[in-house]
Amino acid sequence: MTATLRNLEGQDEASILREIHNALHGLKFGAVEITVHNGQVVQIERKEKFRLQPPSGKHA
């Protein structure tokens, strides 16, 4: 897991929505968690899950 520090202080609503959109982009299975402190978005966390399927015709 990697963390990227970004300065959200003073960002307008459009910038925050763009960050949320980026976190959702391409996500097939998982979650996006938005942390708010004192009415300000302070963290956006993306958790992605990869679902593996056995090859067709074979049983696990």
PDB file of N, CA and C in Angstrom:
ATOM      1  N   MET A   1       0.859  -1.174   0.000  1.00  0.00           N
ATOM      2  CA  MET A   1       0.000   0.000   0.000  1.00  0.00           C
ATOM      3  C   MET A   1       0.900   1.230   0.000  1.00  0.00           C
ATOM      4  N   THR A   2       0.517   2.232  -0.765  1.00  0.00           N
ATOM      5  CA  THR A   2       1.292   3.466  -0.811  1.00  0.00           C
ATOM      6  C   THR A   2       0.421   4.629  -0.379  1.00  0.00           C
ATOM      7  N   ALA A   3       1.067   5.637   0.160  1.00  0.00           N
ATOM      8  CA  ALA A   3       0.363   6.852   0.566  1.00  0.00           C
ATOM      9  C   ALA A   3       0.981   8.023  -0.164  1.00  0.00           C
ATOM     10  N   THR A   4       0.144   8.906  -0.641  1.00  0.00           N
ATOM     11  CA  THR A   4       0.597  10.105  -1.314  1.00  0.00           C
ATOM     12  C   THR A   4       0.104  11.294  -0.516  1.00  0.00           C
ATOM     13  N   LEU A   5       1.019  12.158  -0.131  1.00  0.00           N
ATOM     14  CA  LEU A   5       0.631  13.348   0.615  1.00  0.00           C
ATOM     15  C   LEU A   5       0.233  14.447  -0.360  1.00  0.00           C
ATOM     16  N   ARG A   6      -0.924  15.009  -0.134  1.00  0.00           N
ATOM     17  CA  ARG A   6      -1.406  16.122  -0.949  1.00  0.00           C
ATOM     18  C   ARG A   6      -1.929  17.190  -0.010  1.00  0.00           C
ATOM     19  N   ASN A   7      -1.718  18.425  -0.367  1.00  0.00           N
ATOM     20  CA  ASN A   7      -2.192  19.533   0.459  1.00  0.00           C
ATOM     21  C   ASN A   7      -3.636  19.835   0.084  1.00  0.00           C
ATOM     22  N   LEU A   8      -4.580  19.431   0.949  1.00  0.00           N
ATOM     23  CA  LEU A   8      -5.996  19.685   0.691  1.00  0.00           C
ATOM     24  C   LEU A   8      -6.453  21.013   1.287  1.00  0.00           C
ATOM     25  N   GLU A   9      -5.610  21.605   2.132  1.00  0.00           N
ATOM     26  CA  GLU A   9      -5.987  22.863   2.777  1.00  0.00           C
ATOM     27  C   GLU A   9      -6.199  23.943   1.721  1.00  0.00           C
ATOM     28  N   GLY A  10      -7.318  24.617   1.816  1.00  0.00           N
ATOM     29  CA  GLY A  10      -7.615  25.703   0.894  1.00  0.00           C
ATOM     30  C   GLY A  10      -8.126  25.246  -0.465  1.00  0.00           C
ATOM     31  N   GLN A  11      -8.266  23.932  -0.671  1.00  0.00           N
ATOM     32  CA  GLN A  11      -8.777  23.459  -1.947  1.00  0.00           C
ATOM     33  C   GLN A  11     -10.268  23.700  -2.029  1.00  0.00           C
ATOM     34  N   ASP A  12     -10.719  24.011  -3.206  1.00  0.00           N
ATOM     35  CA  ASP A  12     -12.148  24.226  -3.396  1.00  0.00           C
ATOM     36  C   ASP A  12     -12.856  22.888  -3.600  1.00  0.00           C
ATOM     37  N   GLU A  13     -14.159  22.941  -3.577  1.00  0.00           N
ATOM     38  CA  GLU A  13     -14.976  21.732  -3.691  1.00  0.00           C
ATOM     39  C   GLU A  13     -14.676  20.969  -4.970  1.00  0.00           C
ATOM     40  N   ALA A  14     -14.460  21.669  -6.068  1.00  0.00           N
ATOM     41  CA  ALA A  14     -14.191  21.004  -7.346  1.00  0.00           C
ATOM     42  C   ALA A  14     -12.907  20.180  -7.280  1.00  0.00           C
ATOM     43  N   SER A  15     -11.886  20.679  -6.613  1.00  0.00           N
ATOM     44  CA  SER A  15     -10.624  19.941  -6.483  1.00  0.00           C
ATOM     45  C   SER A  15     -10.809  18.672  -5.676  1.00  0.00           C
ATOM     46  N   ILE A  16     -11.557  18.769  -4.594  1.00  0.00           N
ATOM     47  CA  ILE A  16     -11.805  17.598  -3.754  1.00  0.00           C
ATOM     48  C   ILE A  16     -12.637  16.573  -4.516  1.00  0.00           C
ATOM     49  N   LEU A  17     -13.651  17.035  -5.240  1.00  0.00           N
ATOM     50  CA  LEU A  17     -14.463  16.106  -6.037  1.00  0.00           C
ATOM     51  C   LEU A  17     -13.621  15.439  -7.128  1.00  0.00           C
ATOM     52  N   ARG A  18     -12.676  16.161  -7.678  1.00  0.00           N
ATOM     53  CA  ARG A  18     -11.785  15.591  -8.696  1.00  0.00           C
ATOM     54  C   ARG A  18     -10.924  14.482  -8.078  1.00  0.00           C
ATOM     55  N   GLU A  19     -10.435  14.696  -6.856  1.00  0.00           N
ATOM     56  CA  GLU A  19      -9.648  13.666  -6.165  1.00  0.00           C
ATOM     57  C   GLU A  19     -10.492  12.423  -5.888  1.00  0.00           C
ATOM     58  N   ILE A  20     -11.746  12.625  -5.493  1.00  0.00           N
ATOM     59  CA  ILE A  20     -12.649  11.494  -5.249  1.00  0.00           C
ATOM     60  C   ILE A  20     -12.908  10.748  -6.559  1.00  0.00           C
ATOM     61  N   HIS A  21     -13.132  11.482  -7.627  1.00  0.00           N
ATOM     62  CA  HIS A  21     -13.341  10.874  -8.940  1.00  0.00           C
ATOM     63  C   HIS A  21     -12.126  10.047  -9.350  1.00  0.00           C
ATOM     64  N   ASN A  22     -10.924  10.575  -9.125  1.00  0.00           N
ATOM     65  CA  ASN A  22      -9.703   9.846  -9.455  1.00  0.00           C
ATOM     66  C   ASN A  22      -9.598   8.554  -8.646  1.00  0.00           C
ATOM     67  N   ALA A  23     -10.001   8.589  -7.390  1.00  0.00           N
ATOM     68  CA  ALA A  23      -9.952   7.402  -6.543  1.00  0.00           C
ATOM     69  C   ALA A  23     -10.932   6.336  -7.044  1.00  0.00           C
ATOM     70  N   LEU A  24     -12.062   6.765  -7.581  1.00  0.00           N
ATOM     71  CA  LEU A  24     -13.076   5.833  -8.076  1.00  0.00           C
ATOM     72  C   LEU A  24     -12.752   5.300  -9.470  1.00  0.00           C
ATOM     73  N   HIS A  25     -11.966   6.039 -10.230  1.00  0.00           N
ATOM     74  CA  HIS A  25     -11.683   5.697 -11.629  1.00  0.00           C
ATOM     75  C   HIS A  25     -11.028   4.305 -11.737  1.00  0.00           C
ATOM     76  N   GLY A  26     -11.646   3.432 -12.483  1.00  0.00           N
ATOM     77  CA  GLY A  26     -11.110   2.108 -12.745  1.00  0.00           C
ATOM     78  C   GLY A  26     -11.302   1.104 -11.618  1.00  0.00           C
ATOM     79  N   LEU A  27     -11.968   1.483 -10.554  1.00  0.00           N
ATOM     80  CA  LEU A  27     -12.183   0.586  -9.420  1.00  0.00           C
ATOM     81  C   LEU A  27     -13.316  -0.376  -9.755  1.00  0.00           C
ATOM     82  N   LYS A  28     -13.019  -1.685  -9.764  1.00  0.00           N
ATOM     83  CA  LYS A  28     -14.053  -2.681 -10.054  1.00  0.00           C
ATOM     84  C   LYS A  28     -14.618  -3.286  -8.779  1.00  0.00           C
ATOM     85  N   PHE A  29     -13.736  -3.622  -7.833  1.00  0.00           N
ATOM     86  CA  PHE A  29     -14.149  -4.186  -6.551  1.00  0.00           C
ATOM     87  C   PHE A  29     -13.352  -3.465  -5.472  1.00  0.00           C
ATOM     88  N   GLY A  30     -14.035  -2.940  -4.475  1.00  0.00           N
ATOM     89  CA  GLY A  30     -13.317  -2.283  -3.396  1.00  0.00           C
ATOM     90  C   GLY A  30     -14.145  -1.178  -2.772  1.00  0.00           C
ATOM     91  N   ALA A  31     -13.433  -0.198  -2.201  1.00  0.00           N
ATOM     92  CA  ALA A  31     -14.113   0.888  -1.495  1.00  0.00           C
ATOM     93  C   ALA A  31     -13.270   2.155  -1.546  1.00  0.00           C
ATOM     94  N   VAL A  32     -13.953   3.290  -1.496  1.00  0.00           N
ATOM     95  CA  VAL A  32     -13.301   4.579  -1.341  1.00  0.00           C
ATOM     96  C   VAL A  32     -13.846   5.176  -0.055  1.00  0.00           C
ATOM     97  N   GLU A  33     -12.936   5.484   0.869  1.00  0.00           N
ATOM     98  CA  GLU A  33     -13.329   6.033   2.169  1.00  0.00           C
ATOM     99  C   GLU A  33     -12.868   7.487   2.241  1.00  0.00           C
ATOM    100  N   ILE A  34     -13.787   8.362   2.620  1.00  0.00           N
ATOM    101  CA  ILE A  34     -13.504   9.791   2.737  1.00  0.00           C
ATOM    102  C   ILE A  34     -13.563  10.154   4.213  1.00  0.00           C
ATOM    103  N   THR A  35     -12.464  10.679   4.743  1.00  0.00           N
ATOM    104  CA  THR A  35     -12.396  11.061   6.150  1.00  0.00           C
ATOM    105  C   THR A  35     -12.544  12.573   6.258  1.00  0.00           C
ATOM    106  N   VAL A  36     -13.470  12.996   7.128  1.00  0.00           N
ATOM    107  CA  VAL A  36     -13.755  14.424   7.329  1.00  0.00           C
ATOM    108  C   VAL A  36     -13.441  14.779   8.774  1.00  0.00           C
ATOM    109  N   HIS A  37     -12.760  15.895   8.979  1.00  0.00           N
ATOM    110  CA  HIS A  37     -12.431  16.379  10.319  1.00  0.00           C
ATOM    111  C   HIS A  37     -12.752  17.870  10.373  1.00  0.00           C
ATOM    112  N   ASN A  38     -13.582  18.253  11.330  1.00  0.00           N
ATOM    113  CA  ASN A  38     -14.008  19.657  11.468  1.00  0.00           C
ATOM    114  C   ASN A  38     -14.581  20.216  10.158  1.00  0.00           C
ATOM    115  N   GLY A  39     -15.368  19.393   9.475  1.00  0.00           N
ATOM    116  CA  GLY A  39     -16.027  19.840   8.257  1.00  0.00           C
ATOM    117  C   GLY A  39     -15.134  19.910   7.028  1.00  0.00           C
ATOM    118  N   GLN A  40     -13.904  19.409   7.128  1.00  0.00           N
ATOM    119  CA  GLN A  40     -12.968  19.438   6.007  1.00  0.00           C
ATOM    120  C   GLN A  40     -12.573  18.015   5.624  1.00  0.00           C
ATOM    121  N   VAL A  41     -12.484  17.742   4.325  1.00  0.00           N
ATOM    122  CA  VAL A  41     -11.976  16.452   3.865  1.00  0.00           C
ATOM    123  C   VAL A  41     -10.480  16.434   4.153  1.00  0.00           C
ATOM    124  N   VAL A  42     -10.048  15.441   4.935  1.00  0.00           N
ATOM    125  CA  VAL A  42      -8.632  15.367   5.295  1.00  0.00           C
ATOM    126  C   VAL A  42      -7.938  14.133   4.715  1.00  0.00           C
ATOM    127  N   GLN A  43      -8.736  13.156   4.243  1.00  0.00           N
ATOM    128  CA  GLN A  43      -8.124  11.940   3.710  1.00  0.00           C
ATOM    129  C   GLN A  43      -9.088  11.247   2.770  1.00  0.00           C
ATOM    130  N   ILE A  44      -8.541  10.707   1.682  1.00  0.00           N
ATOM    131  CA  ILE A  44      -9.301   9.882   0.750  1.00  0.00           C
ATOM    132  C   ILE A  44      -8.505   8.592   0.603  1.00  0.00           C
ATOM    133  N   GLU A  45      -9.143   7.472   0.944  1.00  0.00           N
ATOM    134  CA  GLU A  45      -8.455   6.182   0.928  1.00  0.00           C
ATOM    135  C   GLU A  45      -9.138   5.250  -0.062  1.00  0.00           C
ATOM    136  N   ARG A  46      -8.342   4.618  -0.914  1.00  0.00           N
ATOM    137  CA  ARG A  46      -8.860   3.674  -1.898  1.00  0.00           C
ATOM    138  C   ARG A  46      -8.392   2.274  -1.512  1.00  0.00           C
ATOM    139  N   LYS A  47      -9.345   1.369  -1.374  1.00  0.00           N
ATOM    140  CA  LYS A  47      -9.044  -0.033  -1.085  1.00  0.00           C
ATOM    141  C   LYS A  47      -9.543  -0.849  -2.268  1.00  0.00           C
ATOM    142  N   GLU A  48      -8.635  -1.521  -2.943  1.00  0.00           N
ATOM    143  CA  GLU A  48      -9.001  -2.274  -4.135  1.00  0.00           C
ATOM    144  C   GLU A  48      -8.833  -3.762  -3.879  1.00  0.00           C
ATOM    145  N   LYS A  49      -9.802  -4.530  -4.337  1.00  0.00           N
ATOM    146  CA  LYS A  49      -9.745  -5.975  -4.203  1.00  0.00           C
ATOM    147  C   LYS A  49      -9.626  -6.588  -5.598  1.00  0.00           C
ATOM    148  N   PHE A  50      -8.850  -7.636  -5.677  1.00  0.00           N
ATOM    149  CA  PHE A  50      -8.704  -8.366  -6.938  1.00  0.00           C
ATOM    150  C   PHE A  50      -9.318  -9.732  -6.755  1.00  0.00           C
ATOM    151  N   ARG A  51     -10.283 -10.066  -7.581  1.00  0.00           N
ATOM    152  CA  ARG A  51     -10.962 -11.348  -7.500  1.00  0.00           C
ATOM    153  C   ARG A  51     -10.338 -12.289  -8.522  1.00  0.00           C
ATOM    154  N   LEU A  52      -9.855 -13.410  -8.030  1.00  0.00           N
ATOM    155  CA  LEU A  52      -9.228 -14.407  -8.889  1.00  0.00           C
ATOM    156  C   LEU A  52     -10.200 -15.542  -9.124  1.00  0.00           C
ATOM    157  N   GLN A  53     -10.290 -15.967 -10.370  1.00  0.00           N
ATOM    158  CA  GLN A  53     -11.177 -17.059 -10.723  1.00  0.00           C
ATOM    159  C   GLN A  53     -10.335 -18.200 -11.278  1.00  0.00           C
ATOM    160  N   PRO A  54     -10.690 -19.448 -10.923  1.00  0.00           N
ATOM    161  CA  PRO A  54      -9.938 -20.576 -11.478  1.00  0.00           C
ATOM    162  C   PRO A  54     -10.161 -20.641 -12.996  1.00  0.00           C
ATOM    163  N   PRO A  55      -9.191 -21.189 -13.730  1.00  0.00           N
ATOM    164  CA  PRO A  55      -9.374 -21.348 -15.177  1.00  0.00           C
ATOM    165  C   PRO A  55     -10.615 -22.178 -15.475  1.00  0.00           C
ATOM    166  N   SER A  56     -11.313 -21.855 -16.537  1.00  0.00           N
ATOM    167  CA  SER A  56     -12.539 -22.580 -16.858  1.00  0.00           C
ATOM    168  C   SER A  56     -12.238 -24.052 -17.124  1.00  0.00           C
ATOM    169  N   GLY A  57     -13.131 -24.904 -16.637  1.00  0.00           N
ATOM    170  CA  GLY A  57     -12.987 -26.341 -16.823  1.00  0.00           C
ATOM    171  C   GLY A  57     -12.200 -27.026 -15.723  1.00  0.00           C
ATOM    172  N   LYS A  58     -11.591 -26.261 -14.811  1.00  0.00           N
ATOM    173  CA  LYS A  58     -10.827 -26.863 -13.723  1.00  0.00           C
ATOM    174  C   LYS A  58     -11.495 -26.518 -12.404  1.00  0.00           C
ATOM    175  N   HIS A  59     -11.448 -27.423 -11.466  1.00  0.00           N
ATOM    176  CA  HIS A  59     -12.037 -27.215 -10.157  1.00  0.00           C
ATOM    177  C   HIS A  59     -10.945 -27.016  -9.140  1.00  0.00           C
ATOM    178  N   ALA A  60     -11.216 -26.194  -8.133  1.00  0.00           N
ATOM    179  CA  ALA A  60     -10.208 -25.928  -7.093  1.00  0.00           C
ATOM    180  C   ALA A  60     -10.168 -27.030  -6.077  1.00  0.00           C
TER     181      ALA A  60
END
